[in-house]
Amino acid sequence: MPEVRLLSPFTDKDGNHYAAGEVIDFDAATVATLRADGKASLIADEEAAAKAANEGVYGAHVSREDVGHTKAEETKKEKK
């Protein structure tokens, strides 16, 4: 059964209440419904996104790529 993190409170068909943020194992059909409604995220997807974020090409001290130096072009003055 897929493990999900609830993004909003949820009550299952048996009347059990779950709070937002809980990590729960549900059957595939319930997980599909929750994900379609935007009420849950798969833990496996969260872990994959976190791993991908740590493997970026960005510098450790600045959060952007090193693109080198750029020089602004001077504008030509219009003739009167």
N, C-alpha and C. Protein backbone atom coordinates (compact mmCIF):
# COMPACT_ATOMS: atom_id res chain seq x y z
N MET A 1 0.85 -1.18 0.00
CA MET A 1 0.00 0.00 0.00
C MET A 1 0.89 1.24 0.00
N PRO A 2 0.54 2.22 -0.81
CA PRO A 2 1.34 3.44 -0.89
C PRO A 2 1.27 4.25 0.40
N GLU A 3 2.40 4.83 0.76
CA GLU A 3 2.46 5.69 1.94
C GLU A 3 2.31 7.13 1.48
N VAL A 4 1.39 7.87 2.11
CA VAL A 4 1.13 9.25 1.73
C VAL A 4 1.19 10.17 2.94
N ARG A 5 1.45 11.45 2.65
CA ARG A 5 1.35 12.50 3.67
C ARG A 5 0.07 13.27 3.36
N LEU A 6 -0.80 13.37 4.35
CA LEU A 6 -2.05 14.10 4.15
C LEU A 6 -1.79 15.60 4.15
N LEU A 7 -2.35 16.29 3.20
CA LEU A 7 -2.19 17.73 3.08
C LEU A 7 -3.36 18.49 3.68
N SER A 8 -4.40 17.76 4.05
CA SER A 8 -5.57 18.34 4.71
C SER A 8 -6.20 17.25 5.58
N PRO A 9 -7.02 17.63 6.54
CA PRO A 9 -7.69 16.60 7.36
C PRO A 9 -8.53 15.67 6.49
N PHE A 10 -8.65 14.42 6.92
CA PHE A 10 -9.36 13.43 6.12
C PHE A 10 -10.09 12.46 7.04
N THR A 11 -11.29 12.07 6.65
CA THR A 11 -12.05 11.04 7.34
C THR A 11 -12.32 9.92 6.35
N ASP A 12 -11.91 8.70 6.70
CA ASP A 12 -12.09 7.58 5.77
C ASP A 12 -13.50 7.02 5.84
N LYS A 13 -13.79 6.02 5.02
CA LYS A 13 -15.14 5.46 4.93
C LYS A 13 -15.60 4.78 6.22
N ASP A 14 -14.63 4.42 7.10
CA ASP A 14 -14.96 3.80 8.38
C ASP A 14 -15.16 4.82 9.49
N GLY A 15 -15.01 6.11 9.17
CA GLY A 15 -15.19 7.16 10.16
C GLY A 15 -13.94 7.52 10.95
N ASN A 16 -12.78 6.98 10.56
CA ASN A 16 -11.52 7.32 11.23
C ASN A 16 -11.06 8.70 10.75
N HIS A 17 -10.66 9.54 11.71
CA HIS A 17 -10.23 10.90 11.39
C HIS A 17 -8.70 10.95 11.38
N TYR A 18 -8.15 11.66 10.40
CA TYR A 18 -6.71 11.83 10.27
C TYR A 18 -6.42 13.32 10.12
N ALA A 19 -5.37 13.78 10.78
CA ALA A 19 -4.99 15.20 10.71
C ALA A 19 -4.07 15.45 9.52
N ALA A 20 -4.05 16.70 9.09
CA ALA A 20 -3.12 17.10 8.03
C ALA A 20 -1.69 16.88 8.53
N GLY A 21 -0.83 16.38 7.65
CA GLY A 21 0.56 16.13 8.01
C GLY A 21 0.85 14.70 8.43
N GLU A 22 -0.20 13.93 8.72
CA GLU A 22 0.02 12.53 9.11
C GLU A 22 0.49 11.73 7.90
N VAL A 23 1.36 10.76 8.17
CA VAL A 23 1.83 9.84 7.14
C VAL A 23 1.12 8.52 7.36
N ILE A 24 0.35 8.09 6.38
CA ILE A 24 -0.54 6.95 6.50
C ILE A 24 -0.40 6.03 5.28
N ASP A 25 -0.62 4.73 5.48
CA ASP A 25 -0.72 3.77 4.38
C ASP A 25 -2.20 3.57 4.07
N PHE A 26 -2.59 3.85 2.84
CA PHE A 26 -3.95 3.63 2.38
C PHE A 26 -3.93 2.68 1.20
N ASP A 27 -5.09 2.14 0.85
CA ASP A 27 -5.19 1.30 -0.35
C ASP A 27 -5.03 2.20 -1.58
N ALA A 28 -4.68 1.59 -2.70
CA ALA A 28 -4.37 2.32 -3.93
C ALA A 28 -5.53 3.19 -4.40
N ALA A 29 -6.76 2.70 -4.28
CA ALA A 29 -7.93 3.47 -4.73
C ALA A 29 -8.11 4.74 -3.90
N THR A 30 -7.94 4.63 -2.58
CA THR A 30 -8.07 5.81 -1.71
C THR A 30 -6.96 6.81 -2.01
N VAL A 31 -5.74 6.30 -2.21
CA VAL A 31 -4.61 7.17 -2.52
C VAL A 31 -4.86 7.92 -3.83
N ALA A 32 -5.36 7.22 -4.83
CA ALA A 32 -5.64 7.85 -6.12
C ALA A 32 -6.67 8.97 -5.96
N THR A 33 -7.70 8.73 -5.17
CA THR A 33 -8.73 9.74 -4.94
C THR A 33 -8.16 10.94 -4.19
N LEU A 34 -7.38 10.68 -3.14
CA LEU A 34 -6.79 11.77 -2.36
C LEU A 34 -5.85 12.61 -3.20
N ARG A 35 -5.04 11.96 -4.03
CA ARG A 35 -4.10 12.69 -4.88
C ARG A 35 -4.83 13.49 -5.94
N ALA A 36 -5.89 12.93 -6.51
CA ALA A 36 -6.67 13.63 -7.52
C ALA A 36 -7.33 14.89 -6.94
N ASP A 37 -7.71 14.82 -5.67
CA ASP A 37 -8.33 15.96 -4.99
C ASP A 37 -7.31 16.92 -4.41
N GLY A 38 -6.01 16.59 -4.52
CA GLY A 38 -4.96 17.45 -3.97
C GLY A 38 -4.86 17.40 -2.46
N LYS A 39 -5.30 16.28 -1.86
CA LYS A 39 -5.32 16.16 -0.41
C LYS A 39 -4.19 15.33 0.16
N ALA A 40 -3.33 14.76 -0.71
CA ALA A 40 -2.23 13.93 -0.22
C ALA A 40 -1.09 13.93 -1.23
N SER A 41 0.11 13.69 -0.73
CA SER A 41 1.26 13.52 -1.62
C SER A 41 1.95 12.21 -1.26
N LEU A 42 2.47 11.55 -2.29
CA LEU A 42 3.17 10.29 -2.06
C LEU A 42 4.53 10.57 -1.41
N ILE A 43 4.86 9.80 -0.39
CA ILE A 43 6.15 9.95 0.28
C ILE A 43 7.28 9.67 -0.71
N ALA A 44 7.11 8.69 -1.58
CA ALA A 44 8.15 8.37 -2.57
C ALA A 44 8.42 9.56 -3.48
N ASP A 45 7.37 10.30 -3.87
CA ASP A 45 7.54 11.50 -4.70
C ASP A 45 8.27 12.60 -3.94
N GLU A 46 7.95 12.77 -2.66
CA GLU A 46 8.61 13.77 -1.84
C GLU A 46 10.10 13.47 -1.70
N GLU A 47 10.42 12.19 -1.46
CA GLU A 47 11.82 11.79 -1.31
C GLU A 47 12.59 11.98 -2.61
N ALA A 48 11.97 11.66 -3.74
CA ALA A 48 12.62 11.84 -5.04
C ALA A 48 12.87 13.32 -5.32
N ALA A 49 11.92 14.18 -4.97
CA ALA A 49 12.08 15.62 -5.19
C ALA A 49 13.18 16.18 -4.30
N ALA A 50 13.26 15.71 -3.06
CA ALA A 50 14.32 16.17 -2.15
C ALA A 50 15.69 15.74 -2.65
N LYS A 51 15.79 14.52 -3.15
CA LYS A 51 17.06 14.03 -3.69
C LYS A 51 17.47 14.85 -4.91
N ALA A 52 16.53 15.12 -5.80
CA ALA A 52 16.83 15.90 -7.00
C ALA A 52 17.25 17.32 -6.65
N ALA A 53 16.66 17.89 -5.61
CA ALA A 53 17.01 19.25 -5.20
C ALA A 53 18.44 19.31 -4.68
N ASN A 54 18.91 18.24 -4.06
CA ASN A 54 20.26 18.20 -3.52
C ASN A 54 21.31 17.93 -4.58
N GLU A 55 20.90 17.55 -5.78
CA GLU A 55 21.84 17.22 -6.84
C GLU A 55 21.92 18.32 -7.90
N GLY A 56 21.54 19.54 -7.54
CA GLY A 56 21.52 20.64 -8.50
C GLY A 56 22.91 21.11 -8.89
N VAL A 57 22.98 22.03 -9.84
CA VAL A 57 24.24 22.56 -10.33
C VAL A 57 24.51 23.95 -9.75
N TYR A 58 23.86 24.26 -8.68
CA TYR A 58 23.99 25.58 -8.09
C TYR A 58 25.12 25.63 -7.08
N GLY A 59 25.71 26.80 -6.92
CA GLY A 59 26.79 26.98 -5.97
C GLY A 59 26.29 26.83 -4.54
N ALA A 60 27.19 26.47 -3.66
CA ALA A 60 26.80 26.25 -2.27
C ALA A 60 26.53 27.57 -1.54
N HIS A 61 27.19 28.65 -1.96
CA HIS A 61 27.06 29.91 -1.24
C HIS A 61 26.05 30.86 -1.87
N VAL A 62 25.85 30.73 -3.13
CA VAL A 62 24.83 31.52 -3.81
C VAL A 62 23.85 30.54 -4.44
N SER A 63 22.61 30.91 -4.44
CA SER A 63 21.62 29.95 -4.94
C SER A 63 21.29 30.21 -6.40
N ARG A 64 22.32 30.37 -7.22
CA ARG A 64 22.11 30.51 -8.65
C ARG A 64 23.34 30.01 -9.40
N GLU A 65 23.17 29.73 -10.65
CA GLU A 65 24.29 29.26 -11.46
C GLU A 65 25.32 30.37 -11.65
N ASP A 66 26.57 29.98 -11.82
CA ASP A 66 27.61 30.93 -12.14
C ASP A 66 27.58 31.17 -13.65
N VAL A 67 27.16 32.36 -14.06
CA VAL A 67 27.04 32.67 -15.49
C VAL A 67 28.13 33.60 -15.98
N GLY A 68 29.09 33.89 -15.14
CA GLY A 68 30.16 34.80 -15.52
C GLY A 68 29.73 36.25 -15.39
N HIS A 69 30.57 37.13 -15.85
CA HIS A 69 30.27 38.56 -15.74
C HIS A 69 29.60 39.04 -17.01
N THR A 70 28.71 39.98 -16.84
CA THR A 70 28.06 40.59 -17.99
C THR A 70 28.27 42.09 -17.91
N LYS A 71 28.29 42.74 -19.04
CA LYS A 71 28.47 44.18 -19.09
C LYS A 71 27.27 44.78 -19.81
N ALA A 72 26.67 45.75 -19.18
CA ALA A 72 25.53 46.43 -19.79
C ALA A 72 26.01 47.24 -20.98
N GLU A 73 25.24 47.22 -22.05
CA GLU A 73 25.58 48.00 -23.23
C GLU A 73 25.16 49.45 -23.04
N GLU A 74 26.00 50.34 -23.52
CA GLU A 74 25.65 51.75 -23.44
C GLU A 74 24.64 52.06 -24.55
N THR A 75 23.68 52.92 -24.24
CA THR A 75 22.69 53.29 -25.24
C THR A 75 23.19 54.49 -26.02
N LYS A 76 22.88 54.55 -27.30
CA LYS A 76 23.28 55.69 -28.13
C LYS A 76 22.30 56.83 -27.93
N LYS A 77 22.84 58.01 -27.84
CA LYS A 77 21.98 59.17 -27.68
C LYS A 77 21.32 59.49 -29.02
N GLU A 78 20.07 59.82 -28.96
CA GLU A 78 19.33 60.16 -30.17
C GLU A 78 19.71 61.55 -30.65
N LYS A 79 19.78 61.73 -31.95
CA LYS A 79 20.06 63.05 -32.52
C LYS A 79 18.79 63.89 -32.51
N LYS A 80 18.97 65.14 -32.24
CA LYS A 80 17.82 66.06 -32.23
C LYS A 80 17.73 66.81 -33.51
